[in-house]
Amino acid sequence: MARVVVDVMPKPEILDPQGKAVHGALPRLGFTGVTEVRQGKRFELEFEGEITDEVLAQVEKLAETFLANTVIENFRVRVEEAVR
C-alpha cells in the first residue's frame, strides 16, 4: 500500500486561536524558546498499488474541493513511504 498525505494549514494572514492557545500554554508546561505555533490538519489516504500522476491529481482535487477551505487555508500533497 502507498500513502498520500495532505497537510492543511491556515494561511499566514489568518488568525489561529488554537495555535495561540497552545503557544500560551507552552511556558507553563516548561517548554521555552518557541516563538510561534500554527495548528493545522493532516489527512492520510492509503491506496493500493502505485501512486501515479493521475492519483496525485485526484488527491489535489479532493484537497482543493473537500479537505481544505482554500479561502483561508493552504494545503500540500505529498507521497509518504510505503506502508508495511
N, C-alpha and C. Protein backbone atom coordinates (compact mmCIF):
# COMPACT_ATOMS: atom_id res chain seq x y z
N MET A 1 0.84 -1.18 0.00
CA MET A 1 0.00 0.00 0.00
C MET A 1 0.88 1.24 0.00
N ALA A 2 0.37 2.28 -0.61
CA ALA A 2 1.08 3.55 -0.65
C ALA A 2 0.22 4.60 0.05
N ARG A 3 0.87 5.59 0.61
CA ARG A 3 0.16 6.61 1.37
C ARG A 3 0.44 7.99 0.78
N VAL A 4 -0.64 8.76 0.63
CA VAL A 4 -0.53 10.16 0.25
C VAL A 4 -1.01 10.96 1.45
N VAL A 5 -0.23 11.98 1.81
CA VAL A 5 -0.56 12.82 2.95
C VAL A 5 -0.92 14.21 2.45
N VAL A 6 -2.01 14.76 3.00
CA VAL A 6 -2.42 16.13 2.70
C VAL A 6 -2.31 16.91 4.01
N ASP A 7 -1.42 17.90 4.03
CA ASP A 7 -1.27 18.79 5.17
C ASP A 7 -2.03 20.08 4.86
N VAL A 8 -2.90 20.48 5.79
CA VAL A 8 -3.71 21.69 5.61
C VAL A 8 -3.37 22.64 6.75
N MET A 9 -3.01 23.88 6.40
CA MET A 9 -2.65 24.88 7.40
C MET A 9 -3.36 26.20 7.11
N PRO A 10 -3.67 26.96 8.17
CA PRO A 10 -4.25 28.28 7.92
C PRO A 10 -3.25 29.13 7.14
N LYS A 11 -3.77 29.97 6.26
CA LYS A 11 -2.89 30.90 5.54
C LYS A 11 -2.22 31.82 6.56
N PRO A 12 -1.02 32.31 6.25
CA PRO A 12 -0.28 33.13 7.22
C PRO A 12 -1.06 34.35 7.73
N GLU A 13 -1.89 34.94 6.89
CA GLU A 13 -2.62 36.15 7.29
C GLU A 13 -3.88 35.86 8.12
N ILE A 14 -4.21 34.58 8.29
CA ILE A 14 -5.40 34.18 9.04
C ILE A 14 -5.03 33.96 10.51
N LEU A 15 -5.81 34.53 11.42
CA LEU A 15 -5.58 34.32 12.84
C LEU A 15 -5.77 32.84 13.17
N ASP A 16 -4.98 32.36 14.13
CA ASP A 16 -5.03 30.96 14.53
C ASP A 16 -5.19 30.88 16.05
N PRO A 17 -6.43 30.99 16.56
CA PRO A 17 -6.62 30.99 18.01
C PRO A 17 -6.17 29.70 18.69
N GLN A 18 -6.30 28.57 18.02
CA GLN A 18 -5.84 27.32 18.63
C GLN A 18 -4.32 27.31 18.76
N GLY A 19 -3.64 27.76 17.74
CA GLY A 19 -2.19 27.86 17.80
C GLY A 19 -1.74 28.83 18.89
N LYS A 20 -2.45 29.96 19.03
CA LYS A 20 -2.13 30.93 20.08
C LYS A 20 -2.33 30.32 21.46
N ALA A 21 -3.39 29.53 21.65
CA ALA A 21 -3.64 28.89 22.95
C ALA A 21 -2.54 27.90 23.28
N VAL A 22 -2.12 27.12 22.31
CA VAL A 22 -1.02 26.16 22.54
C VAL A 22 0.25 26.93 22.88
N HIS A 23 0.53 27.98 22.12
CA HIS A 23 1.73 28.78 22.36
C HIS A 23 1.73 29.37 23.77
N GLY A 24 0.57 29.84 24.22
CA GLY A 24 0.47 30.40 25.56
C GLY A 24 0.68 29.38 26.66
N ALA A 25 0.33 28.12 26.40
CA ALA A 25 0.45 27.07 27.41
C ALA A 25 1.87 26.51 27.52
N LEU A 26 2.65 26.64 26.48
CA LEU A 26 3.98 26.00 26.47
C LEU A 26 4.88 26.45 27.62
N PRO A 27 5.03 27.76 27.90
CA PRO A 27 5.90 28.15 29.02
C PRO A 27 5.41 27.60 30.36
N ARG A 28 4.12 27.52 30.55
CA ARG A 28 3.58 26.97 31.80
C ARG A 28 3.91 25.49 31.95
N LEU A 29 4.15 24.83 30.82
CA LEU A 29 4.49 23.41 30.84
C LEU A 29 6.00 23.17 30.81
N GLY A 30 6.76 24.26 30.83
CA GLY A 30 8.21 24.14 30.88
C GLY A 30 8.91 24.15 29.54
N PHE A 31 8.19 24.44 28.46
CA PHE A 31 8.80 24.50 27.13
C PHE A 31 9.07 25.95 26.78
N THR A 32 10.32 26.28 26.54
CA THR A 32 10.69 27.65 26.24
C THR A 32 11.32 27.74 24.86
N GLY A 33 11.38 28.95 24.34
CA GLY A 33 12.06 29.19 23.07
C GLY A 33 11.17 29.08 21.84
N VAL A 34 9.94 28.64 22.00
CA VAL A 34 9.02 28.54 20.86
C VAL A 34 8.46 29.93 20.58
N THR A 35 8.62 30.42 19.37
CA THR A 35 8.19 31.78 19.05
C THR A 35 6.80 31.85 18.42
N GLU A 36 6.34 30.76 17.83
CA GLU A 36 5.02 30.76 17.21
C GLU A 36 4.53 29.33 17.05
N VAL A 37 3.22 29.14 17.16
CA VAL A 37 2.59 27.84 16.91
C VAL A 37 1.43 28.07 15.96
N ARG A 38 1.36 27.26 14.91
CA ARG A 38 0.21 27.26 13.99
C ARG A 38 -0.34 25.84 14.01
N GLN A 39 -1.63 25.71 14.14
CA GLN A 39 -2.24 24.38 14.17
C GLN A 39 -2.97 24.12 12.87
N GLY A 40 -2.80 22.92 12.35
CA GLY A 40 -3.45 22.54 11.10
C GLY A 40 -4.04 21.15 11.17
N LYS A 41 -4.24 20.57 10.00
CA LYS A 41 -4.83 19.24 9.89
C LYS A 41 -3.94 18.39 8.99
N ARG A 42 -3.96 17.08 9.24
CA ARG A 42 -3.23 16.11 8.42
C ARG A 42 -4.20 15.00 8.03
N PHE A 43 -4.25 14.72 6.74
CA PHE A 43 -5.07 13.64 6.22
C PHE A 43 -4.15 12.61 5.59
N GLU A 44 -4.35 11.34 5.92
CA GLU A 44 -3.58 10.25 5.33
C GLU A 44 -4.52 9.41 4.48
N LEU A 45 -4.20 9.27 3.21
CA LEU A 45 -5.00 8.48 2.29
C LEU A 45 -4.15 7.32 1.80
N GLU A 46 -4.64 6.11 1.98
CA GLU A 46 -3.90 4.93 1.55
C GLU A 46 -4.50 4.38 0.26
N PHE A 47 -3.61 3.98 -0.64
CA PHE A 47 -4.00 3.46 -1.94
C PHE A 47 -3.34 2.12 -2.18
N GLU A 48 -4.03 1.25 -2.89
CA GLU A 48 -3.41 0.02 -3.35
C GLU A 48 -2.63 0.35 -4.61
N GLY A 49 -1.51 -0.27 -4.75
CA GLY A 49 -0.73 -0.07 -5.97
C GLY A 49 0.11 1.19 -5.91
N GLU A 50 0.56 1.58 -7.09
CA GLU A 50 1.50 2.69 -7.26
C GLU A 50 0.77 4.04 -7.25
N ILE A 51 1.45 5.04 -6.74
CA ILE A 51 0.92 6.41 -6.78
C ILE A 51 1.37 7.02 -8.10
N THR A 52 0.42 7.21 -8.99
CA THR A 52 0.70 7.77 -10.30
C THR A 52 0.37 9.25 -10.31
N ASP A 53 0.73 9.93 -11.40
CA ASP A 53 0.38 11.34 -11.55
C ASP A 53 -1.14 11.52 -11.53
N GLU A 54 -1.87 10.54 -12.07
CA GLU A 54 -3.33 10.61 -12.08
C GLU A 54 -3.88 10.54 -10.65
N VAL A 55 -3.33 9.67 -9.84
CA VAL A 55 -3.76 9.56 -8.44
C VAL A 55 -3.47 10.87 -7.71
N LEU A 56 -2.28 11.42 -7.91
CA LEU A 56 -1.94 12.68 -7.26
C LEU A 56 -2.85 13.82 -7.71
N ALA A 57 -3.23 13.82 -8.98
CA ALA A 57 -4.16 14.84 -9.48
C ALA A 57 -5.52 14.70 -8.81
N GLN A 58 -5.97 13.47 -8.59
CA GLN A 58 -7.24 13.25 -7.90
C GLN A 58 -7.16 13.74 -6.46
N VAL A 59 -6.04 13.47 -5.79
CA VAL A 59 -5.87 13.90 -4.40
C VAL A 59 -5.82 15.43 -4.33
N GLU A 60 -5.14 16.06 -5.28
CA GLU A 60 -5.11 17.53 -5.34
C GLU A 60 -6.53 18.09 -5.44
N LYS A 61 -7.33 17.50 -6.32
CA LYS A 61 -8.71 17.94 -6.50
C LYS A 61 -9.52 17.71 -5.22
N LEU A 62 -9.33 16.56 -4.58
CA LEU A 62 -10.01 16.25 -3.32
C LEU A 62 -9.64 17.27 -2.25
N ALA A 63 -8.36 17.58 -2.15
CA ALA A 63 -7.90 18.55 -1.14
C ALA A 63 -8.48 19.93 -1.42
N GLU A 64 -8.49 20.32 -2.67
CA GLU A 64 -8.96 21.66 -3.05
C GLU A 64 -10.46 21.83 -2.85
N THR A 65 -11.22 20.75 -3.06
CA THR A 65 -12.68 20.88 -3.01
C THR A 65 -13.31 20.40 -1.72
N PHE A 66 -12.59 19.58 -0.92
CA PHE A 66 -13.22 18.98 0.24
C PHE A 66 -12.40 19.09 1.53
N LEU A 67 -11.11 18.82 1.46
CA LEU A 67 -10.30 18.76 2.67
C LEU A 67 -9.87 20.13 3.19
N ALA A 68 -9.69 21.08 2.31
CA ALA A 68 -9.23 22.42 2.71
C ALA A 68 -10.24 23.47 2.27
N ASN A 69 -10.36 24.49 3.10
CA ASN A 69 -11.11 25.69 2.72
C ASN A 69 -10.09 26.65 2.13
N THR A 70 -9.98 26.67 0.82
CA THR A 70 -8.89 27.39 0.17
C THR A 70 -8.98 28.91 0.30
N VAL A 71 -10.07 29.41 0.83
CA VAL A 71 -10.17 30.84 1.12
C VAL A 71 -9.25 31.19 2.29
N ILE A 72 -9.19 30.31 3.28
CA ILE A 72 -8.41 30.61 4.49
C ILE A 72 -7.30 29.60 4.78
N GLU A 73 -7.18 28.54 3.95
CA GLU A 73 -6.18 27.51 4.22
C GLU A 73 -5.36 27.19 2.97
N ASN A 74 -4.12 26.85 3.19
CA ASN A 74 -3.25 26.29 2.16
C ASN A 74 -3.13 24.80 2.40
N PHE A 75 -2.83 24.04 1.35
CA PHE A 75 -2.61 22.62 1.53
C PHE A 75 -1.40 22.17 0.72
N ARG A 76 -0.85 21.03 1.15
CA ARG A 76 0.29 20.43 0.45
C ARG A 76 0.04 18.94 0.36
N VAL A 77 0.23 18.38 -0.81
CA VAL A 77 0.05 16.94 -1.05
C VAL A 77 1.44 16.33 -1.23
N ARG A 78 1.67 15.22 -0.53
CA ARG A 78 2.96 14.55 -0.66
C ARG A 78 2.78 13.05 -0.52
N VAL A 79 3.68 12.31 -1.14
CA VAL A 79 3.66 10.86 -1.06
C VAL A 79 4.58 10.46 0.09
N GLU A 80 4.08 9.56 0.93
CA GLU A 80 4.87 9.05 2.05
C GLU A 80 5.34 7.65 1.71
N GLU A 81 6.37 7.19 2.39
CA GLU A 81 6.90 5.87 2.13
C GLU A 81 5.82 4.81 2.21
N ALA A 82 6.03 3.72 1.52
CA ALA A 82 5.05 2.62 1.50
C ALA A 82 4.76 2.14 2.91
N VAL A 83 3.50 1.83 3.15
CA VAL A 83 3.05 1.31 4.44
C VAL A 83 3.34 -0.17 4.47
N ARG A 84 3.94 -0.62 5.55
CA ARG A 84 4.27 -2.05 5.65
C ARG A 84 3.40 -2.71 6.66
